[in-house]
Amino acid sequence: MHPSSFANLVAVAHRFITVSCSIRLSLLILLSCLLAPPHAQAAESKLNLLIWSEYIDPEVVKDFQRAHQCRVVIDLFDEDAAMIAKLRNGGSRTYDIVVAPDHTIPRLRRLGLIRQLGSNALSSLPLIHPTFRSPSFDPENRYSMPYLWGTLCIYARKPAAGQLEPSWGLLFDPAAQPGAFLFSDSMRDVIGAALKYRGKSLNTTDKKALLDARDLILAAKRRSRGFEGGVGGKNKVLARRVSAAMAYSGDALRGAEEDPETICILPREGTQIWVDNLVVCSGAPNPGLAERFITFVSEPKVAARLANYLHYATPNEAARPWISPEALANPSIYPPKEVMDRLEFLQDLGKDSRLYDEVWSVIRVR
């Protein structure tokens, strides 16, 4: 073979080997992409959600995952202080979205733990009832979108005879006590209930009123089974381990649906009304997906599904046509005006929160 022909043959062979290697490498890269799990293919394929226990319809989560080709990872908390602690200890960089109580929003903002909502999330605001738009804790809803609202109540087992008095006295008056009972483990819930029983505002900063509430709670604590967070109290009433517990209205109503021998009681002295909100963490790994979640659960039919499933009231006015007639007629879910007039929102007390912290520390230690 002529030397030049041999050289040409070598060159052709070299190019063939190079092209073959390149093709095989491309195929390997393509195959690895196809075999990679979905969350490895897209930066926004996983949503990290921090939420109260038993506070979302699992089917709604599945529908969101299908609609957005993502995976929702849920972590739980049972008390707002625990939620704030999680965010302060790095959670604001690992969670995308949090369901936060109304009175915590100003503090979350001051601590730099949440970010302003974008136009995608805020596009749902016109669906919200005017009562829940631009609240005092977040003017113009720059940081939060309402999720669900409800009240603090007493969840109790019905007595064998007679009726239970609709009063905080079921916990604070030994003569009215229906049996063993549990307090919530939320500072503002417990102190607020005692203040309401005494005819005071649950946001008072009057030291005398707070000391009186402290002593009232300490006396009741000695007769109680202690403190229980989240749905724990409700579950212990259902299990017949206690006769009554502080609970949130939706939890109590779901319990009453499960066991008709139990009841949700709104105390006549008044109680706390609250609205929980969807907020996006300041260091959220996937803020875009978080905003799409807010938009998704704010769709009227989805908001109605959540409200019907959880037995809470929805702030979404556009969802009303899909709310069950039974829920709309239930005064424990949508209280009449005379009851609403006795309800009170918790306020962020700023530096005066230390007064409550001091009272609470004594209550928990003694």
Protein backbone atom coordinates (compact mmCIF):
# COMPACT_ATOMS: atom_id res chain seq x y z
CA MET A 1 0.00 0.00 0.00
CA HIS A 2 1.23 3.43 -0.88
CA PRO A 3 2.36 5.39 2.25
CA SER A 4 -0.02 8.26 1.46
CA SER A 5 -2.95 5.85 1.12
CA PHE A 6 -2.05 4.27 4.44
CA ALA A 7 -1.94 7.71 6.07
CA ASN A 8 -5.37 8.54 4.64
CA LEU A 9 -6.75 5.28 5.96
CA VAL A 10 -5.36 6.00 9.43
CA ALA A 11 -6.91 9.48 9.37
CA VAL A 12 -10.32 8.09 8.37
CA ALA A 13 -10.12 5.46 11.09
CA HIS A 14 -9.17 8.11 13.65
CA ARG A 15 -12.16 10.27 12.66
CA PHE A 16 -14.47 7.23 12.84
CA ILE A 17 -13.24 6.35 16.32
CA THR A 18 -13.60 9.98 17.46
CA VAL A 19 -17.15 10.26 16.10
CA SER A 20 -18.10 6.88 17.58
CA CYS A 21 -16.81 7.91 21.00
CA SER A 22 -18.65 11.20 20.74
CA ILE A 23 -21.91 9.44 19.83
CA ARG A 24 -21.51 6.94 22.66
CA LEU A 25 -20.78 9.75 25.12
CA SER A 26 -23.87 11.66 23.95
CA LEU A 27 -25.99 8.53 24.30
CA LEU A 28 -24.67 7.96 27.80
CA ILE A 29 -25.49 11.55 28.79
CA LEU A 30 -28.98 11.26 27.29
CA LEU A 31 -29.58 7.92 29.01
CA SER A 32 -28.45 9.28 32.39
CA CYS A 33 -30.87 12.20 32.01
CA LEU A 34 -33.73 9.86 31.15
CA LEU A 35 -32.99 7.57 34.07
CA ALA A 36 -32.48 10.38 36.59
CA PRO A 37 -35.31 10.88 39.08
CA PRO A 38 -37.65 13.79 38.26
CA HIS A 39 -36.28 15.98 41.04
CA ALA A 40 -32.80 15.73 39.53
CA GLN A 41 -33.96 17.00 36.14
CA ALA A 42 -35.38 20.35 37.14
CA ALA A 43 -34.42 22.87 39.75
CA GLU A 44 -38.06 23.48 40.65
CA SER A 45 -39.22 19.87 40.90
CA LYS A 46 -39.46 19.66 44.72
CA LEU A 47 -41.57 21.78 47.05
CA ASN A 48 -40.71 21.78 50.76
CA LEU A 49 -43.81 22.61 52.80
CA LEU A 50 -43.90 23.35 56.55
CA ILE A 51 -47.44 23.08 57.89
CA TRP A 52 -49.58 22.23 60.93
CA SER A 53 -50.46 18.56 61.52
CA GLU A 54 -53.53 17.27 59.63
CA TYR A 55 -53.93 20.56 57.79
CA ILE A 56 -54.09 19.71 54.10
CA ASP A 57 -56.09 17.31 51.95
CA PRO A 58 -53.65 14.63 50.67
CA GLU A 59 -55.58 14.47 47.38
CA VAL A 60 -54.96 18.17 46.80
CA VAL A 61 -51.24 17.54 47.27
CA LYS A 62 -51.37 14.67 44.75
CA ASP A 63 -53.22 16.85 42.24
CA PHE A 64 -50.61 19.60 42.57
CA GLN A 65 -47.79 17.10 42.07
CA ARG A 66 -49.43 15.79 38.90
CA ALA A 67 -50.23 19.24 37.55
CA HIS A 68 -46.70 20.56 38.09
CA GLN A 69 -44.66 17.37 37.69
CA CYS A 70 -43.07 17.83 41.10
CA ARG A 71 -42.74 16.22 44.50
CA VAL A 72 -44.11 17.83 47.68
CA VAL A 73 -42.15 17.11 50.85
CA ILE A 74 -44.15 17.92 53.99
CA ASP A 75 -42.74 18.69 57.43
CA LEU A 76 -44.99 19.38 60.43
CA PHE A 77 -45.16 21.62 63.47
CA ASP A 78 -47.66 21.72 66.34
CA GLU A 79 -47.06 25.17 67.82
CA ASP A 80 -46.17 28.52 66.26
CA ALA A 81 -43.06 29.00 68.41
CA ALA A 82 -41.74 25.69 67.07
CA MET A 83 -42.38 26.87 63.51
CA ILE A 84 -40.44 30.09 64.08
CA ALA A 85 -37.60 28.17 65.72
CA LYS A 86 -37.34 25.86 62.71
CA LEU A 87 -37.11 28.79 60.33
CA ARG A 88 -34.52 30.58 62.47
CA ASN A 89 -32.38 27.44 62.63
CA GLY A 90 -31.86 27.26 58.88
CA GLY A 91 -35.37 26.39 57.76
CA SER A 92 -35.80 29.67 55.90
CA ARG A 93 -33.21 28.31 53.44
CA THR A 94 -34.56 24.75 53.19
CA TYR A 95 -38.35 25.20 53.23
CA ASP A 96 -40.09 26.84 50.30
CA ILE A 97 -43.47 27.61 51.79
CA VAL A 98 -44.91 27.79 55.31
CA VAL A 99 -48.44 28.00 56.70
CA ALA A 100 -48.06 30.73 59.33
CA PRO A 101 -50.55 32.13 61.89
CA ASP A 102 -51.60 35.75 61.41
CA HIS A 103 -49.88 37.21 64.48
CA THR A 104 -46.52 35.65 63.54
CA ILE A 105 -46.24 37.42 60.17
CA PRO A 106 -44.78 40.71 61.51
CA ARG A 107 -42.14 38.83 63.48
CA LEU A 108 -41.25 36.63 60.51
CA ARG A 109 -40.77 39.80 58.48
CA ARG A 110 -38.63 41.49 61.15
CA LEU A 111 -36.42 38.41 61.37
CA GLY A 112 -35.98 38.31 57.60
CA LEU A 113 -37.42 34.80 57.36
CA ILE A 114 -39.98 35.43 54.61
CA ARG A 115 -39.94 37.24 51.28
CA GLN A 116 -42.43 39.41 49.43
CA LEU A 117 -44.88 37.60 47.17
CA GLY A 118 -44.55 37.97 43.44
CA SER A 119 -47.25 38.83 40.93
CA ASN A 120 -48.05 35.16 40.30
CA ALA A 121 -49.17 34.57 43.90
CA LEU A 122 -50.79 37.99 44.25
CA SER A 123 -52.98 37.30 41.22
CA SER A 124 -55.17 35.25 43.59
CA LEU A 125 -55.88 38.19 45.90
CA PRO A 126 -59.11 39.31 44.14
CA LEU A 127 -60.60 35.90 45.06
CA ILE A 128 -60.24 36.64 48.78
CA HIS A 129 -63.07 38.13 50.83
CA PRO A 130 -62.41 41.83 51.60
CA THR A 131 -62.37 41.03 55.34
CA PHE A 132 -59.12 39.13 54.85
CA ARG A 133 -57.42 41.45 52.38
CA SER A 134 -54.75 43.90 53.49
CA PRO A 135 -54.89 42.90 57.17
CA SER A 136 -53.17 44.93 59.86
CA PHE A 137 -50.44 42.31 60.20
CA ASP A 138 -49.62 42.50 56.47
CA PRO A 139 -50.92 45.60 54.65
CA GLU A 140 -51.58 44.93 50.95
CA ASN A 141 -50.77 41.23 51.48
CA ARG A 142 -47.23 41.83 50.38
CA TYR A 143 -45.94 38.80 52.29
CA SER A 144 -48.91 36.49 52.87
CA MET A 145 -51.94 34.91 51.22
CA PRO A 146 -54.85 33.73 53.44
CA TYR A 147 -55.24 29.93 53.57
CA LEU A 148 -57.98 29.03 56.10
CA TRP A 149 -59.54 30.61 59.17
CA GLY A 150 -61.18 29.33 62.32
CA THR A 151 -61.46 29.71 66.07
CA LEU A 152 -60.03 28.36 69.29
CA CYS A 153 -62.61 26.19 71.03
CA ILE A 154 -63.14 23.45 73.60
CA TYR A 155 -63.52 19.94 72.23
CA ALA A 156 -65.34 17.75 74.73
CA ARG A 157 -67.14 14.49 75.23
CA LYS A 158 -70.87 14.93 75.76
CA PRO A 159 -72.03 14.19 79.32
CA ALA A 160 -74.32 11.24 80.05
CA ALA A 161 -76.97 13.69 81.23
CA GLY A 162 -77.53 17.39 80.74
CA GLN A 163 -75.45 19.76 78.65
CA LEU A 164 -72.04 21.34 78.97
CA GLU A 165 -71.91 25.07 79.63
CA PRO A 166 -70.43 26.90 76.63
CA SER A 167 -67.79 28.58 78.78
CA TRP A 168 -64.08 28.64 79.46
CA GLY A 169 -65.24 27.71 82.95
CA LEU A 170 -65.12 24.09 81.75
CA LEU A 171 -61.37 24.45 82.22
CA PHE A 172 -61.04 27.20 84.82
CA ASP A 173 -63.98 26.53 87.18
CA PRO A 174 -63.62 23.31 89.22
CA ALA A 175 -67.40 23.08 89.62
CA ALA A 176 -67.92 23.11 85.85
CA GLN A 177 -65.05 20.78 84.94
CA PRO A 178 -66.41 17.86 82.87
CA GLY A 179 -63.57 15.51 83.79
CA ALA A 180 -59.91 15.19 82.90
CA PHE A 181 -58.82 17.85 80.41
CA LEU A 182 -55.85 19.16 78.46
CA PHE A 183 -54.57 22.63 77.71
CA SER A 184 -53.04 23.59 74.39
CA ASP A 185 -49.27 24.02 74.55
CA SER A 186 -49.49 27.41 72.82
CA MET A 187 -48.65 30.32 75.12
CA ARG A 188 -51.01 32.81 73.47
CA ASP A 189 -53.87 30.29 73.26
CA VAL A 190 -53.79 29.37 76.94
CA ILE A 191 -53.17 32.84 78.37
CA GLY A 192 -55.70 34.31 75.94
CA ALA A 193 -58.39 31.85 77.07
CA ALA A 194 -57.81 32.78 80.72
CA LEU A 195 -57.96 36.49 79.87
CA LYS A 196 -61.22 36.02 77.97
CA TYR A 197 -62.69 34.10 80.91
CA ARG A 198 -61.87 37.13 83.09
CA GLY A 199 -63.46 39.51 80.58
CA LYS A 200 -60.15 40.91 79.32
CA SER A 201 -58.66 41.30 75.87
CA LEU A 202 -56.45 38.43 74.82
CA ASN A 203 -53.95 41.09 73.68
CA THR A 204 -53.79 43.03 76.94
CA THR A 205 -50.45 44.21 78.25
CA ASP A 206 -51.86 45.07 81.68
CA LYS A 207 -49.56 43.36 84.20
CA LYS A 208 -52.27 42.91 86.81
CA ALA A 209 -54.55 41.15 84.31
CA LEU A 210 -51.70 38.92 83.16
CA LEU A 211 -50.75 37.95 86.72
CA ASP A 212 -54.38 37.11 87.44
CA ALA A 213 -54.48 34.95 84.30
CA ARG A 214 -51.26 33.25 85.39
CA ASP A 215 -52.71 32.34 88.79
CA LEU A 216 -55.95 31.13 87.21
CA ILE A 217 -54.03 28.87 84.82
CA LEU A 218 -51.77 27.54 87.59
CA ALA A 219 -54.79 26.54 89.66
CA ALA A 220 -56.37 24.82 86.66
CA LYS A 221 -53.08 23.19 85.69
CA ARG A 222 -53.07 21.23 88.95
CA ARG A 223 -56.43 19.72 87.96
CA SER A 224 -55.46 19.13 84.32
CA ARG A 225 -53.57 16.43 82.44
CA GLY A 226 -51.08 19.01 81.20
CA PHE A 227 -50.42 20.51 77.78
CA GLU A 228 -50.78 19.01 74.33
CA GLY A 229 -49.90 20.51 70.97
CA GLY A 230 -51.63 20.42 67.61
CA VAL A 231 -54.21 17.67 67.18
CA GLY A 232 -52.95 15.77 70.24
CA GLY A 233 -55.72 17.02 72.53
CA LYS A 234 -58.42 16.17 70.00
CA ASN A 235 -57.02 12.69 69.54
CA LYS A 236 -56.96 12.04 73.29
CA VAL A 237 -60.61 13.06 73.61
CA LEU A 238 -61.42 10.63 70.80
CA ALA A 239 -59.43 7.92 72.56
CA ARG A 240 -61.35 8.66 75.81
CA ARG A 241 -58.13 9.45 77.63
CA VAL A 242 -59.51 12.88 78.59
CA SER A 243 -62.99 14.41 78.57
CA ALA A 244 -62.08 17.81 77.14
CA ALA A 245 -59.24 19.68 75.45
CA MET A 246 -58.49 23.04 73.92
CA ALA A 247 -58.60 22.63 70.15
CA TYR A 248 -58.98 24.47 66.89
CA SER A 249 -62.46 24.46 65.42
CA GLY A 250 -61.77 22.35 62.34
CA ASP A 251 -59.94 19.69 64.36
CA ALA A 252 -62.82 19.57 66.85
CA LEU A 253 -65.43 19.33 64.10
CA ARG A 254 -63.58 16.50 62.37
CA GLY A 255 -63.44 14.76 65.74
CA ALA A 256 -67.19 15.26 66.24
CA GLU A 257 -67.81 13.82 62.78
CA GLU A 258 -65.78 10.75 63.74
CA ASP A 259 -67.45 10.40 67.15
CA PRO A 260 -70.94 11.97 67.46
CA GLU A 261 -70.65 11.73 71.25
CA THR A 262 -68.17 14.63 71.15
CA ILE A 263 -68.82 18.30 70.52
CA CYS A 264 -67.11 21.57 69.53
CA ILE A 265 -67.85 24.38 72.01
CA LEU A 266 -67.33 28.10 71.35
CA PRO A 267 -67.12 29.77 74.80
CA ARG A 268 -69.69 32.51 75.41
CA GLU A 269 -67.01 34.80 76.90
CA GLY A 270 -65.45 35.01 73.47
CA THR A 271 -62.41 33.38 71.98
CA GLN A 272 -59.65 33.74 69.44
CA ILE A 273 -60.34 34.01 65.73
CA TRP A 274 -57.34 33.37 63.52
CA VAL A 275 -56.37 33.16 59.88
CA ASP A 276 -53.48 31.01 58.73
CA ASN A 277 -51.46 32.25 55.79
CA LEU A 278 -49.20 30.94 53.07
CA VAL A 279 -45.78 32.62 53.09
CA VAL A 280 -42.64 32.01 51.04
CA CYS A 281 -39.33 31.62 52.89
CA SER A 282 -36.65 34.24 52.30
CA GLY A 283 -34.13 31.64 51.13
CA ALA A 284 -36.63 29.28 49.49
CA PRO A 285 -34.87 26.86 47.12
CA ASN A 286 -37.84 26.98 44.73
CA PRO A 287 -39.74 30.27 45.15
CA GLY A 288 -41.38 29.97 41.74
CA LEU A 289 -42.87 26.59 42.60
CA ALA A 290 -43.96 27.98 45.98
CA GLU A 291 -45.89 30.75 44.23
CA ARG A 292 -47.52 28.25 41.89
CA PHE A 293 -48.62 26.28 44.95
CA ILE A 294 -50.25 29.41 46.39
CA THR A 295 -52.05 30.01 43.10
CA PHE A 296 -53.14 26.36 42.93
CA VAL A 297 -54.67 26.14 46.41
CA SER A 298 -56.31 29.55 45.88
CA GLU A 299 -58.30 28.30 42.90
CA PRO A 300 -61.94 28.43 44.06
CA LYS A 301 -62.71 24.74 43.62
CA VAL A 302 -59.47 23.70 45.31
CA ALA A 303 -60.01 26.15 48.18
CA ALA A 304 -63.51 24.70 48.65
CA ARG A 305 -62.13 21.14 48.68
CA LEU A 306 -59.68 22.09 51.41
CA ALA A 307 -62.36 23.79 53.50
CA ASN A 308 -64.82 20.91 53.13
CA TYR A 309 -62.18 18.30 53.93
CA LEU A 310 -60.69 20.12 56.94
CA HIS A 311 -63.94 21.62 58.35
CA TYR A 312 -62.43 25.08 58.49
CA ALA A 313 -63.76 28.29 56.97
CA THR A 314 -62.19 29.57 53.78
CA PRO A 315 -61.32 33.25 53.24
CA ASN A 316 -61.76 32.59 49.52
CA GLU A 317 -65.07 34.24 48.62
CA ALA A 318 -65.00 32.79 45.10
CA ALA A 319 -65.00 29.28 46.61
CA ARG A 320 -68.36 29.75 48.31
CA PRO A 321 -70.49 28.06 45.59
CA TRP A 322 -68.55 24.82 46.19
CA ILE A 323 -68.67 24.87 50.00
CA SER A 324 -71.02 22.21 51.34
CA PRO A 325 -74.40 23.56 52.52
CA GLU A 326 -73.86 21.76 55.84
CA ALA A 327 -70.63 23.68 56.43
CA LEU A 328 -72.17 27.03 55.52
CA ALA A 329 -75.00 26.37 57.99
CA ASN A 330 -72.67 25.25 60.80
CA PRO A 331 -72.21 28.09 63.34
CA SER A 332 -69.00 26.48 64.60
CA ILE A 333 -67.46 27.00 61.14
CA TYR A 334 -69.14 30.23 60.07
CA PRO A 335 -70.27 31.85 63.34
CA PRO A 336 -73.24 34.26 63.32
CA LYS A 337 -72.64 37.97 63.83
CA GLU A 338 -73.39 37.94 67.56
CA VAL A 339 -70.65 35.33 68.04
CA MET A 340 -68.24 37.04 65.63
CA ASP A 341 -68.57 40.22 67.68
CA ARG A 342 -67.03 38.39 70.66
CA LEU A 343 -64.10 37.00 68.70
CA GLU A 344 -60.68 38.62 68.73
CA PHE A 345 -57.56 38.29 66.60
CA LEU A 346 -54.20 37.85 68.29
CA GLN A 347 -51.87 40.78 67.71
CA ASP A 348 -48.11 40.86 67.42
CA LEU A 349 -47.15 42.52 70.71
CA GLY A 350 -43.57 43.34 69.80
CA LYS A 351 -41.41 44.00 72.87
CA ASP A 352 -44.43 43.54 75.13
CA SER A 353 -44.37 39.84 74.25
CA ARG A 354 -41.86 39.46 77.06
CA LEU A 355 -44.72 39.96 79.54
CA TYR A 356 -46.39 36.85 78.14
CA ASP A 357 -43.07 34.99 78.02
CA GLU A 358 -42.52 35.68 81.72
CA VAL A 359 -46.01 34.50 82.66
CA TRP A 360 -45.70 31.41 80.47
CA SER A 361 -42.32 30.40 81.87
CA VAL A 362 -43.78 30.39 85.39
CA ILE A 363 -46.80 28.37 84.23
CA ARG A 364 -44.70 25.70 82.55
CA VAL A 365 -42.19 25.36 85.40
CA ARG A 366 -44.57 25.21 88.38
